[in-house]
Amino acid sequence: MVPSWQVSGATAVNLRALAVDIGVGAATEEEIAQSYWFSTDALEAMSGPHNSMPCFQDIPSGTRLTVRASNSGANDATYNCALHGVS
């Protein structure tokens, strides 16, 4: 698995570093990947993920997937995330 992360809509954003983690599980998520880094700048450009290596994990069908994100400043926009997996 590898995440995609982007600003939702045409919002003015600031220079930020964002860390995205991936987890699996229902009530208590197990973290399976940590610190995929993304960055934004004041021109609404976004780059990442840095560590672009995928997370290798067997995930049974129907398993809940979660994403946790943190950034280097106050939230300035809404974001979208997608998890890409290959079986």
C-alpha atoms as a PDB file:
ATOM      1  CA  MET A   1       0.000   0.000   0.000  1.00  0.00           C
ATOM      2  CA  VAL A   2       1.011   3.579  -0.589  1.00  0.00           C
ATOM      3  CA  PRO A   3      -1.044   6.708   0.189  1.00  0.00           C
ATOM      4  CA  SER A   4      -1.996   9.650  -2.007  1.00  0.00           C
ATOM      5  CA  TRP A   5      -2.745  12.915  -0.210  1.00  0.00           C
ATOM      6  CA  GLN A   6      -4.043  16.190  -1.603  1.00  0.00           C
ATOM      7  CA  VAL A   7      -5.695  19.459  -0.728  1.00  0.00           C
ATOM      8  CA  SER A   8      -9.458  19.252  -1.282  1.00  0.00           C
ATOM      9  CA  GLY A   9     -10.616  22.011  -3.621  1.00  0.00           C
ATOM     10  CA  ALA A  10      -8.930  25.256  -4.620  1.00  0.00           C
ATOM     11  CA  THR A  11      -8.026  26.560  -1.169  1.00  0.00           C
ATOM     12  CA  ALA A  12      -5.136  28.865  -0.436  1.00  0.00           C
ATOM     13  CA  VAL A  13      -2.672  26.774   1.559  1.00  0.00           C
ATOM     14  CA  ASN A  14       0.525  27.594   3.408  1.00  0.00           C
ATOM     15  CA  LEU A  15       3.951  26.029   3.539  1.00  0.00           C
ATOM     16  CA  ARG A  16       3.433  22.782   5.489  1.00  0.00           C
ATOM     17  CA  ALA A  17       4.967  19.387   6.055  1.00  0.00           C
ATOM     18  CA  LEU A  18       2.424  16.605   6.573  1.00  0.00           C
ATOM     19  CA  ALA A  19       3.032  13.107   7.955  1.00  0.00           C
ATOM     20  CA  VAL A  20       0.598  10.331   7.011  1.00  0.00           C
ATOM     21  CA  ASP A  21       0.391   6.938   8.759  1.00  0.00           C
ATOM     22  CA  ILE A  22      -1.588   3.856   7.652  1.00  0.00           C
ATOM     23  CA  GLY A  23      -3.393   1.461   9.986  1.00  0.00           C
ATOM     24  CA  VAL A  24      -5.644  -1.603   9.832  1.00  0.00           C
ATOM     25  CA  GLY A  25      -8.214  -2.993  12.236  1.00  0.00           C
ATOM     26  CA  ALA A  26     -11.629  -2.337  13.659  1.00  0.00           C
ATOM     27  CA  ALA A  27     -11.785  -1.016  17.213  1.00  0.00           C
ATOM     28  CA  THR A  28      -8.047  -0.783  17.886  1.00  0.00           C
ATOM     29  CA  GLU A  29      -6.086   0.038  14.773  1.00  0.00           C
ATOM     30  CA  GLU A  30      -2.660  -1.465  14.249  1.00  0.00           C
ATOM     31  CA  GLU A  31      -0.213   0.929  12.634  1.00  0.00           C
ATOM     32  CA  ILE A  32       1.404  -0.762   9.624  1.00  0.00           C
ATOM     33  CA  ALA A  33       3.186   2.190   7.993  1.00  0.00           C
ATOM     34  CA  GLN A  34       4.495   5.410   9.415  1.00  0.00           C
ATOM     35  CA  SER A  35       5.541   8.845   8.221  1.00  0.00           C
ATOM     36  CA  TYR A  36       4.826   9.138   4.547  1.00  0.00           C
ATOM     37  CA  TRP A  37       5.799  12.811   4.129  1.00  0.00           C
ATOM     38  CA  PHE A  38       3.952  15.282   1.927  1.00  0.00           C
ATOM     39  CA  SER A  39       4.494  19.019   1.589  1.00  0.00           C
ATOM     40  CA  THR A  40       2.506  22.019   0.414  1.00  0.00           C
ATOM     41  CA  ASP A  41       3.550  25.552  -0.446  1.00  0.00           C
ATOM     42  CA  ALA A  42       1.824  28.917  -0.783  1.00  0.00           C
ATOM     43  CA  LEU A  43       1.353  28.386  -4.543  1.00  0.00           C
ATOM     44  CA  GLU A  44      -0.999  25.442  -3.888  1.00  0.00           C
ATOM     45  CA  ALA A  45       1.612  22.959  -5.064  1.00  0.00           C
ATOM     46  CA  MET A  46       1.884  19.635  -3.281  1.00  0.00           C
ATOM     47  CA  SER A  47       4.585  16.985  -3.382  1.00  0.00           C
ATOM     48  CA  GLY A  48       4.989  13.512  -1.946  1.00  0.00           C
ATOM     49  CA  PRO A  49       4.932  10.901  -0.748  1.00  0.00           C
ATOM     50  CA  HIS A  50       8.497  10.939   0.440  1.00  0.00           C
ATOM     51  CA  ASN A  51       9.358   7.732   1.426  1.00  0.00           C
ATOM     52  CA  SER A  52       7.737   6.469  -1.725  1.00  0.00           C
ATOM     53  CA  MET A  53       8.328   2.823  -0.790  1.00  0.00           C
ATOM     54  CA  PRO A  54       5.087   0.875  -0.394  1.00  0.00           C
ATOM     55  CA  CYS A  55       4.061  -0.842   2.815  1.00  0.00           C
ATOM     56  CA  PHE A  56       3.928  -4.624   2.356  1.00  0.00           C
ATOM     57  CA  GLN A  57       1.150  -6.181   4.445  1.00  0.00           C
ATOM     58  CA  ASP A  58      -1.386  -9.003   4.048  1.00  0.00           C
ATOM     59  CA  ILE A  59      -4.811  -7.429   4.570  1.00  0.00           C
ATOM     60  CA  PRO A  60      -7.849  -9.723   4.532  1.00  0.00           C
ATOM     61  CA  SER A  61     -10.863  -8.677   2.489  1.00  0.00           C
ATOM     62  CA  GLY A  62     -13.290  -6.551   4.492  1.00  0.00           C
ATOM     63  CA  THR A  63     -10.622  -5.225   6.874  1.00  0.00           C
ATOM     64  CA  ARG A  64     -11.001  -1.601   7.942  1.00  0.00           C
ATOM     65  CA  LEU A  65      -8.207   0.702   6.732  1.00  0.00           C
ATOM     66  CA  THR A  66      -7.362   3.949   8.516  1.00  0.00           C
ATOM     67  CA  VAL A  67      -5.182   6.963   7.835  1.00  0.00           C
ATOM     68  CA  ARG A  68      -3.831   9.356  10.441  1.00  0.00           C
ATOM     69  CA  ALA A  69      -2.253  12.650   9.476  1.00  0.00           C
ATOM     70  CA  SER A  70      -0.503  15.477  11.261  1.00  0.00           C
ATOM     71  CA  ASN A  71       0.968  18.688   9.944  1.00  0.00           C
ATOM     72  CA  SER A  72       3.579  21.237  10.928  1.00  0.00           C
ATOM     73  CA  GLY A  73       1.091  24.048  11.569  1.00  0.00           C
ATOM     74  CA  ALA A  74      -2.547  24.844  12.164  1.00  0.00           C
ATOM     75  CA  ASN A  75      -5.015  23.215   9.770  1.00  0.00           C
ATOM     76  CA  ASP A  76      -5.475  25.532   6.817  1.00  0.00           C
ATOM     77  CA  ALA A  77      -7.480  23.360   4.425  1.00  0.00           C
ATOM     78  CA  THR A  78      -9.396  20.119   4.083  1.00  0.00           C
ATOM     79  CA  TYR A  79      -7.575  17.171   2.577  1.00  0.00           C
ATOM     80  CA  ASN A  80      -8.389  13.950   0.725  1.00  0.00           C
ATOM     81  CA  CYS A  81      -6.534  10.663   0.987  1.00  0.00           C
ATOM     82  CA  ALA A  82      -6.543   7.492  -1.085  1.00  0.00           C
ATOM     83  CA  LEU A  83      -4.770   4.232  -0.301  1.00  0.00           C
ATOM     84  CA  HIS A  84      -3.456   2.297  -3.289  1.00  0.00           C
ATOM     85  CA  GLY A  85      -2.992  -1.441  -2.971  1.00  0.00           C
ATOM     86  CA  VAL A  86      -2.110  -4.325  -5.274  1.00  0.00           C
ATOM     87  CA  SER A  87      -3.094  -7.909  -4.716  1.00  0.00           C
END
